[in-house]
PDB file of N, CA and C in Angstrom:
ATOM      1  N   MET A   1       0.840  -1.174   0.000  1.00  0.00           N
ATOM      2  CA  MET A   1       0.000   0.000   0.000  1.00  0.00           C
ATOM      3  C   MET A   1       0.887   1.239   0.000  1.00  0.00           C
ATOM      4  N   ASP A   2       0.571   2.191  -0.876  1.00  0.00           N
ATOM      5  CA  ASP A   2       1.346   3.420  -0.957  1.00  0.00           C
ATOM      6  C   ASP A   2       1.076   4.306   0.244  1.00  0.00           C
ATOM      7  N   LYS A   3       2.139   4.912   0.741  1.00  0.00           N
ATOM      8  CA  LYS A   3       1.988   5.865   1.827  1.00  0.00           C
ATOM      9  C   LYS A   3       1.507   7.185   1.249  1.00  0.00           C
ATOM     10  N   LYS A   4       0.535   7.790   1.916  1.00  0.00           N
ATOM     11  CA  LYS A   4       0.059   9.104   1.515  1.00  0.00           C
ATOM     12  C   LYS A   4       0.749  10.129   2.402  1.00  0.00           C
ATOM     13  N   LEU A   5       1.350  11.115   1.780  1.00  0.00           N
ATOM     14  CA  LEU A   5       2.066  12.136   2.523  1.00  0.00           C
ATOM     15  C   LEU A   5       1.289  13.435   2.530  1.00  0.00           C
ATOM     16  N   ILE A   6       1.393  14.150   3.645  1.00  0.00           N
ATOM     17  CA  ILE A   6       0.845  15.494   3.748  1.00  0.00           C
ATOM     18  C   ILE A   6       1.996  16.420   4.109  1.00  0.00           C
ATOM     19  N   VAL A   7       1.852  17.666   3.771  1.00  0.00           N
ATOM     20  CA  VAL A   7       2.865  18.660   4.119  1.00  0.00           C
ATOM     21  C   VAL A   7       2.281  19.562   5.194  1.00  0.00           C
ATOM     22  N   ILE A   8       3.002  19.664   6.296  1.00  0.00           N
ATOM     23  CA  ILE A   8       2.585  20.501   7.408  1.00  0.00           C
ATOM     24  C   ILE A   8       3.515  21.703   7.451  1.00  0.00           C
ATOM     25  N   GLU A   9       2.920  22.887   7.383  1.00  0.00           N
ATOM     26  CA  GLU A   9       3.720  24.104   7.503  1.00  0.00           C
ATOM     27  C   GLU A   9       3.824  24.452   8.977  1.00  0.00           C
ATOM     28  N   ASN A  10       5.039  24.521   9.468  1.00  0.00           N
ATOM     29  CA  ASN A  10       5.289  24.825  10.868  1.00  0.00           C
ATOM     30  C   ASN A  10       5.111  26.319  11.137  1.00  0.00           C
ATOM     31  N   SER A  11       5.018  26.681  12.405  1.00  0.00           N
ATOM     32  CA  SER A  11       4.806  28.078  12.767  1.00  0.00           C
ATOM     33  C   SER A  11       5.953  28.984  12.319  1.00  0.00           C
ATOM     34  N   ASP A  12       7.143  28.402  12.099  1.00  0.00           N
ATOM     35  CA  ASP A  12       8.278  29.200  11.634  1.00  0.00           C
ATOM     36  C   ASP A  12       8.345  29.295  10.109  1.00  0.00           C
ATOM     37  N   GLY A  13       7.341  28.744   9.417  1.00  0.00           N
ATOM     38  CA  GLY A  13       7.282  28.829   7.969  1.00  0.00           C
ATOM     39  C   GLY A  13       7.936  27.675   7.230  1.00  0.00           C
ATOM     40  N   THR A  14       8.622  26.789   7.951  1.00  0.00           N
ATOM     41  CA  THR A  14       9.233  25.628   7.305  1.00  0.00           C
ATOM     42  C   THR A  14       8.175  24.548   7.090  1.00  0.00           C
ATOM     43  N   ASN A  15       8.424  23.663   6.144  1.00  0.00           N
ATOM     44  CA  ASN A  15       7.498  22.574   5.841  1.00  0.00           C
ATOM     45  C   ASN A  15       8.074  21.242   6.298  1.00  0.00           C
ATOM     46  N   THR A  16       7.199  20.383   6.784  1.00  0.00           N
ATOM     47  CA  THR A  16       7.578  19.045   7.206  1.00  0.00           C
ATOM     48  C   THR A  16       6.615  18.053   6.573  1.00  0.00           C
ATOM     49  N   GLU A  17       7.148  16.984   5.988  1.00  0.00           N
ATOM     50  CA  GLU A  17       6.290  15.931   5.443  1.00  0.00           C
ATOM     51  C   GLU A  17       5.928  14.953   6.552  1.00  0.00           C
ATOM     52  N   ALA A  18       4.686  14.508   6.526  1.00  0.00           N
ATOM     53  CA  ALA A  18       4.211  13.514   7.475  1.00  0.00           C
ATOM     54  C   ALA A  18       3.401  12.479   6.708  1.00  0.00           C
ATOM     55  N   GLN A  19       3.360  11.275   7.254  1.00  0.00           N
ATOM     56  CA  GLN A  19       2.546  10.228   6.646  1.00  0.00           C
ATOM     57  C   GLN A  19       1.120  10.349   7.170  1.00  0.00           C
ATOM     58  N   LEU A  20       0.171  10.450   6.253  1.00  0.00           N
ATOM     59  CA  LEU A  20      -1.236  10.484   6.618  1.00  0.00           C
ATOM     60  C   LEU A  20      -1.674   9.066   6.973  1.00  0.00           C
ATOM     61  N   ILE A  21      -2.171   8.893   8.177  1.00  0.00           N
ATOM     62  CA  ILE A  21      -2.637   7.573   8.597  1.00  0.00           C
ATOM     63  C   ILE A  21      -4.134   7.453   8.347  1.00  0.00           C
ATOM     64  N   THR A  22      -4.895   8.433   8.809  1.00  0.00           N
ATOM     65  CA  THR A  22      -6.330   8.440   8.550  1.00  0.00           C
ATOM     66  C   THR A  22      -6.888   9.821   8.842  1.00  0.00           C
ATOM     67  N   TYR A  23      -8.130   9.990   8.452  1.00  0.00           N
ATOM     68  CA  TYR A  23      -8.862  11.234   8.626  1.00  0.00           C
ATOM     69  C   TYR A  23     -10.147  10.875   9.355  1.00  0.00           C
ATOM     70  N   LEU A  24     -10.508  11.634  10.390  1.00  0.00           N
ATOM     71  CA  LEU A  24     -11.679  11.321  11.197  1.00  0.00           C
ATOM     72  C   LEU A  24     -12.673  12.477  11.188  1.00  0.00           C
ATOM     73  N   ILE A  25     -13.951  12.146  11.281  1.00  0.00           N
ATOM     74  CA  ILE A  25     -15.008  13.145  11.415  1.00  0.00           C
ATOM     75  C   ILE A  25     -15.804  12.779  12.655  1.00  0.00           C
ATOM     76  N   SER A  26     -16.057  13.764  13.510  1.00  0.00           N
ATOM     77  CA  SER A  26     -16.793  13.524  14.748  1.00  0.00           C
ATOM     78  C   SER A  26     -18.184  12.978  14.453  1.00  0.00           C
ATOM     79  N   GLU A  27     -18.772  12.361  15.476  1.00  0.00           N
ATOM     80  CA  GLU A  27     -20.105  11.759  15.326  1.00  0.00           C
ATOM     81  C   GLU A  27     -21.131  12.760  14.814  1.00  0.00           C
ATOM     82  N   ASP A  28     -21.028  14.036  15.250  1.00  0.00           N
ATOM     83  CA  ASP A  28     -21.988  15.046  14.829  1.00  0.00           C
ATOM     84  C   ASP A  28     -21.600  15.732  13.521  1.00  0.00           C
ATOM     85  N   GLY A  29     -20.439  15.352  12.962  1.00  0.00           N
ATOM     86  CA  GLY A  29     -19.991  15.900  11.691  1.00  0.00           C
ATOM     87  C   GLY A  29     -19.402  17.299  11.777  1.00  0.00           C
ATOM     88  N   GLN A  30     -19.260  17.826  12.981  1.00  0.00           N
ATOM     89  CA  GLN A  30     -18.792  19.199  13.158  1.00  0.00           C
ATOM     90  C   GLN A  30     -17.275  19.332  13.228  1.00  0.00           C
ATOM     91  N   MET A  31     -16.601  18.315  13.743  1.00  0.00           N
ATOM     92  CA  MET A  31     -15.155  18.389  13.948  1.00  0.00           C
ATOM     93  C   MET A  31     -14.451  17.412  13.007  1.00  0.00           C
ATOM     94  N   HIS A  32     -13.295  17.832  12.513  1.00  0.00           N
ATOM     95  CA  HIS A  32     -12.496  17.013  11.612  1.00  0.00           C
ATOM     96  C   HIS A  32     -11.099  16.872  12.218  1.00  0.00           C
ATOM     97  N   TYR A  33     -10.546  15.672  12.079  1.00  0.00           N
ATOM     98  CA  TYR A  33      -9.247  15.368  12.678  1.00  0.00           C
ATOM     99  C   TYR A  33      -8.364  14.657  11.660  1.00  0.00           C
ATOM    100  N   VAL A  34      -7.072  14.810  11.833  1.00  0.00           N
ATOM    101  CA  VAL A  34      -6.114  14.094  11.005  1.00  0.00           C
ATOM    102  C   VAL A  34      -5.202  13.301  11.941  1.00  0.00           C
ATOM    103  N   VAL A  35      -4.925  12.060  11.554  1.00  0.00           N
ATOM    104  CA  VAL A  35      -4.008  11.189  12.290  1.00  0.00           C
ATOM    105  C   VAL A  35      -2.793  11.012  11.397  1.00  0.00           C
ATOM    106  N   TYR A  36      -1.613  11.326  11.933  1.00  0.00           N
ATOM    107  CA  TYR A  36      -0.414  11.335  11.103  1.00  0.00           C
ATOM    108  C   TYR A  36       0.816  10.923  11.896  1.00  0.00           C
ATOM    109  N   SER A  37       1.905  10.677  11.166  1.00  0.00           N
ATOM    110  CA  SER A  37       3.151  10.222  11.781  1.00  0.00           C
ATOM    111  C   SER A  37       4.336  10.834  11.044  1.00  0.00           C
ATOM    112  N   PHE A  38       5.400  11.055  11.792  1.00  0.00           N
ATOM    113  CA  PHE A  38       6.660  11.500  11.201  1.00  0.00           C
ATOM    114  C   PHE A  38       7.647  10.342  11.095  1.00  0.00           C
ATOM    115  N   GLY A  39       7.177   9.115  11.336  1.00  0.00           N
ATOM    116  CA  GLY A  39       8.036   7.939  11.243  1.00  0.00           C
ATOM    117  C   GLY A  39       8.910   7.723  12.468  1.00  0.00           C
ATOM    118  N   GLU A  40       8.607   8.404  13.561  1.00  0.00           N
ATOM    119  CA  GLU A  40       9.391   8.271  14.787  1.00  0.00           C
ATOM    120  C   GLU A  40       9.006   6.991  15.519  1.00  0.00           C
ATOM    121  N   LYS A  41       9.946   6.417  16.210  1.00  0.00           N
ATOM    122  CA  LYS A  41       9.693   5.228  17.027  1.00  0.00           C
ATOM    123  C   LYS A  41       9.826   5.591  18.500  1.00  0.00           C
ATOM    124  N   GLY A  42       8.935   5.036  19.329  1.00  0.00           N
ATOM    125  CA  GLY A  42       9.007   5.256  20.770  1.00  0.00           C
ATOM    126  C   GLY A  42      10.249   4.597  21.336  1.00  0.00           C
ATOM    127  N   GLU A  43      10.811   5.185  22.380  1.00  0.00           N
ATOM    128  CA  GLU A  43      12.055   4.671  22.955  1.00  0.00           C
ATOM    129  C   GLU A  43      11.879   3.328  23.660  1.00  0.00           C
ATOM    130  N   GLU A  44      10.792   3.171  24.412  1.00  0.00           N
ATOM    131  CA  GLU A  44      10.642   1.968  25.229  1.00  0.00           C
ATOM    132  C   GLU A  44      10.220   0.748  24.423  1.00  0.00           C
ATOM    133  N   GLU A  45       9.128   0.854  23.690  1.00  0.00           N
ATOM    134  CA  GLU A  45       8.591  -0.317  22.993  1.00  0.00           C
ATOM    135  C   GLU A  45       8.894  -0.314  21.502  1.00  0.00           C
ATOM    136  N   GLY A  46       9.379   0.777  20.985  1.00  0.00           N
ATOM    137  CA  GLY A  46       9.712   0.847  19.565  1.00  0.00           C
ATOM    138  C   GLY A  46       8.522   0.995  18.642  1.00  0.00           C
ATOM    139  N   ASP A  47       7.327   1.264  19.195  1.00  0.00           N
ATOM    140  CA  ASP A  47       6.138   1.473  18.372  1.00  0.00           C
ATOM    141  C   ASP A  47       6.206   2.836  17.702  1.00  0.00           C
ATOM    142  N   GLU A  48       5.577   2.946  16.548  1.00  0.00           N
ATOM    143  CA  GLU A  48       5.553   4.214  15.841  1.00  0.00           C
ATOM    144  C   GLU A  48       4.710   5.227  16.614  1.00  0.00           C
ATOM    145  N   ILE A  49       5.212   6.440  16.730  1.00  0.00           N
ATOM    146  CA  ILE A  49       4.497   7.513  17.405  1.00  0.00           C
ATOM    147  C   ILE A  49       3.532   8.139  16.406  1.00  0.00           C
ATOM    148  N   ILE A  50       2.262   8.249  16.800  1.00  0.00           N
ATOM    149  CA  ILE A  50       1.278   8.893  15.941  1.00  0.00           C
ATOM    150  C   ILE A  50       0.754  10.148  16.626  1.00  0.00           C
ATOM    151  N   TYR A  51       0.305  11.070  15.821  1.00  0.00           N
ATOM    152  CA  TYR A  51      -0.229  12.337  16.308  1.00  0.00           C
ATOM    153  C   TYR A  51      -1.652  12.486  15.803  1.00  0.00           C
ATOM    154  N   VAL A  52      -2.480  13.144  16.595  1.00  0.00           N
ATOM    155  CA  VAL A  52      -3.848  13.445  16.201  1.00  0.00           C
ATOM    156  C   VAL A  52      -4.060  14.932  16.452  1.00  0.00           C
ATOM    157  N   SER A  53      -4.549  15.629  15.445  1.00  0.00           N
ATOM    158  CA  SER A  53      -4.819  17.058  15.574  1.00  0.00           C
ATOM    159  C   SER A  53      -6.182  17.380  14.992  1.00  0.00           C
ATOM    160  N   ARG A  54      -6.790  18.413  15.540  1.00  0.00           N
ATOM    161  CA  ARG A  54      -8.048  18.919  15.005  1.00  0.00           C
ATOM    162  C   ARG A  54      -7.716  19.809  13.804  1.00  0.00           C
ATOM    163  N   ILE A  55      -8.502  19.690  12.758  1.00  0.00           N
ATOM    164  CA  ILE A  55      -8.327  20.542  11.582  1.00  0.00           C
ATOM    165  C   ILE A  55      -9.245  21.747  11.746  1.00  0.00           C
ATOM    166  N   ALA A  56      -8.659  22.933  11.685  1.00  0.00           N
ATOM    167  CA  ALA A  56      -9.430  24.165  11.818  1.00  0.00           C
ATOM    168  C   ALA A  56      -9.272  24.979  10.536  1.00  0.00           C
ATOM    169  N   ASN A  57     -10.172  25.916  10.340  1.00  0.00           N
ATOM    170  CA  ASN A  57     -10.170  26.735   9.131  1.00  0.00           C
ATOM    171  C   ASN A  57     -10.313  28.190   9.553  1.00  0.00           C
ATOM    172  N   ASN A  58      -9.402  29.043   9.091  1.00  0.00           N
ATOM    173  CA  ASN A  58      -9.506  30.465   9.412  1.00  0.00           C
ATOM    174  C   ASN A  58     -10.092  31.269   8.257  1.00  0.00           C
ATOM    175  N   GLY A  59     -10.678  30.592   7.304  1.00  0.00           N
ATOM    176  CA  GLY A  59     -11.274  31.251   6.149  1.00  0.00           C
ATOM    177  C   GLY A  59     -10.390  31.201   4.915  1.00  0.00           C
ATOM    178  N   ASP A  60      -9.083  31.401   5.106  1.00  0.00           N
ATOM    179  CA  ASP A  60      -8.147  31.396   3.983  1.00  0.00           C
ATOM    180  C   ASP A  60      -7.414  30.077   3.843  1.00  0.00           C
ATOM    181  N   SER A  61      -7.214  29.397   4.961  1.00  0.00           N
ATOM    182  CA  SER A  61      -6.448  28.151   4.927  1.00  0.00           C
ATOM    183  C   SER A  61      -6.834  27.271   6.103  1.00  0.00           C
ATOM    184  N   PHE A  62      -6.337  26.058   6.046  1.00  0.00           N
ATOM    185  CA  PHE A  62      -6.557  25.100   7.126  1.00  0.00           C
ATOM    186  C   PHE A  62      -5.308  25.053   7.995  1.00  0.00           C
ATOM    187  N   TYR A  63      -5.503  24.768   9.272  1.00  0.00           N
ATOM    188  CA  TYR A  63      -4.370  24.609  10.174  1.00  0.00           C
ATOM    189  C   TYR A  63      -4.721  23.562  11.222  1.00  0.00           C
ATOM    190  N   LEU A  64      -3.707  23.062  11.903  1.00  0.00           N
ATOM    191  CA  LEU A  64      -3.892  22.015  12.910  1.00  0.00           C
ATOM    192  C   LEU A  64      -3.895  22.619  14.304  1.00  0.00           C
ATOM    193  N   GLU A  65      -4.809  22.118  15.125  1.00  0.00           N
ATOM    194  CA  GLU A  65      -4.898  22.550  16.515  1.00  0.00           C
ATOM    195  C   GLU A  65      -4.715  21.348  17.435  1.00  0.00           C
ATOM    196  N   GLU A  66      -4.088  21.585  18.556  1.00  0.00           N
ATOM    197  CA  GLU A  66      -3.916  20.547  19.565  1.00  0.00           C
ATOM    198  C   GLU A  66      -5.254  20.284  20.248  1.00  0.00           C
ATOM    199  N   ILE A  67      -5.510  19.030  20.565  1.00  0.00           N
ATOM    200  CA  ILE A  67      -6.725  18.656  21.291  1.00  0.00           C
ATOM    201  C   ILE A  67      -6.398  18.742  22.779  1.00  0.00           C
ATOM    202  N   GLU A  68      -6.969  19.715  23.461  1.00  0.00           N
ATOM    203  CA  GLU A  68      -6.652  19.946  24.871  1.00  0.00           C
ATOM    204  C   GLU A  68      -7.778  19.542  25.810  1.00  0.00           C
ATOM    205  N   ASP A  69      -9.005  19.448  25.294  1.00  0.00           N
ATOM    206  CA  ASP A  69     -10.164  19.128  26.110  1.00  0.00           C
ATOM    207  C   ASP A  69     -10.267  17.612  26.304  1.00  0.00           C
ATOM    208  N   ASP A  70     -10.377  17.166  27.553  1.00  0.00           N
ATOM    209  CA  ASP A  70     -10.443  15.730  27.853  1.00  0.00           C
ATOM    210  C   ASP A  70     -11.658  15.061  27.220  1.00  0.00           C
ATOM    211  N   GLY A  71     -12.790  15.755  27.198  1.00  0.00           N
ATOM    212  CA  GLY A  71     -13.994  15.192  26.592  1.00  0.00           C
ATOM    213  C   GLY A  71     -13.841  15.011  25.094  1.00  0.00           C
ATOM    214  N   GLU A  72     -13.241  16.002  24.446  1.00  0.00           N
ATOM    215  CA  GLU A  72     -13.005  15.893  23.006  1.00  0.00           C
ATOM    216  C   GLU A  72     -12.020  14.764  22.719  1.00  0.00           C
ATOM    217  N   TRP A  73     -10.977  14.663  23.535  1.00  0.00           N
ATOM    218  CA  TRP A  73      -9.986  13.603  23.337  1.00  0.00           C
ATOM    219  C   TRP A  73     -10.633  12.226  23.500  1.00  0.00           C
ATOM    220  N   ALA A  74     -11.535  12.069  24.469  1.00  0.00           N
ATOM    221  CA  ALA A  74     -12.235  10.796  24.659  1.00  0.00           C
ATOM    222  C   ALA A  74     -13.072  10.465  23.426  1.00  0.00           C
ATOM    223  N   SER A  75     -13.708  11.473  22.833  1.00  0.00           N
ATOM    224  CA  SER A  75     -14.497  11.251  21.614  1.00  0.00           C
ATOM    225  C   SER A  75     -13.614  10.792  20.459  1.00  0.00           C
ATOM    226  N   VAL A  76     -12.440  11.408  20.329  1.00  0.00           N
ATOM    227  CA  VAL A  76     -11.503  11.022  19.268  1.00  0.00           C
ATOM    228  C   VAL A  76     -11.020   9.590  19.491  1.00  0.00           C
ATOM    229  N   GLN A  77     -10.733   9.242  20.732  1.00  0.00           N
ATOM    230  CA  GLN A  77     -10.300   7.874  21.035  1.00  0.00           C
ATOM    231  C   GLN A  77     -11.383   6.868  20.660  1.00  0.00           C
ATOM    232  N   ASN A  78     -12.650   7.207  20.885  1.00  0.00           N
ATOM    233  CA  ASN A  78     -13.747   6.315  20.492  1.00  0.00           C
ATOM    234  C   ASN A  78     -13.815   6.155  18.978  1.00  0.00           C
ATOM    235  N   LEU A  79     -13.557   7.234  18.238  1.00  0.00           N
ATOM    236  CA  LEU A  79     -13.525   7.140  16.773  1.00  0.00           C
ATOM    237  C   LEU A  79     -12.399   6.212  16.330  1.00  0.00           C
ATOM    238  N   LEU A  80     -11.246   6.324  16.979  1.00  0.00           N
ATOM    239  CA  LEU A  80     -10.106   5.464  16.642  1.00  0.00           C
ATOM    240  C   LEU A  80     -10.402   3.998  16.974  1.00  0.00           C
ATOM    241  N   LYS A  81     -11.095   3.750  18.087  1.00  0.00           N
ATOM    242  CA  LYS A  81     -11.432   2.373  18.468  1.00  0.00           C
ATOM    243  C   LYS A  81     -12.366   1.738  17.439  1.00  0.00           C
ATOM    244  N   LYS A  82     -13.286   2.521  16.888  1.00  0.00           N
ATOM    245  CA  LYS A  82     -14.202   2.006  15.866  1.00  0.00           C
ATOM    246  C   LYS A  82     -13.423   1.538  14.633  1.00  0.00           C
ATOM    247  N   ILE A  83     -12.385   2.304  14.264  1.00  0.00           N
ATOM    248  CA  ILE A  83     -11.558   1.905  13.124  1.00  0.00           C
ATOM    249  C   ILE A  83     -10.781   0.639  13.452  1.00  0.00           C
ATOM    250  N   ALA A  84     -10.220   0.590  14.645  1.00  0.00           N
ATOM    251  CA  ALA A  84      -9.398  -0.555  15.044  1.00  0.00           C
ATOM    252  C   ALA A  84     -10.222  -1.839  15.114  1.00  0.00           C
ATOM    253  N   ASN A  85     -11.493  -1.710  15.460  1.00  0.00           N
ATOM    254  CA  ASN A  85     -12.352  -2.882  15.597  1.00  0.00           C
ATOM    255  C   ASN A  85     -13.139  -3.214  14.345  1.00  0.00           C
ATOM    256  N   ALA A  86     -12.936  -2.444  13.291  1.00  0.00           N
ATOM    257  CA  ALA A  86     -13.699  -2.676  12.042  1.00  0.00           C
ATOM    258  C   ALA A  86     -13.182  -3.889  11.307  1.00  0.00           C
TER     259      ALA A  86
END
């Protein structure tokens, strides 16, 4: 299977490529999330580190936001579990 890459523009204006793992939409269809990886491995178990960010829109472009709310994070985890159990 081909890896799909996305380009993330950092706050300093530099670009970083990341592997797109999946795209999620909240149960109510209001929130959109991207799951991605930079190919990093965890130190202890060697598993690939994945990131999940909320996709936001400021009218001109899209940007990624950190998920800080525990309730929102629990909802995202439930979306991920549905994929894992499919």
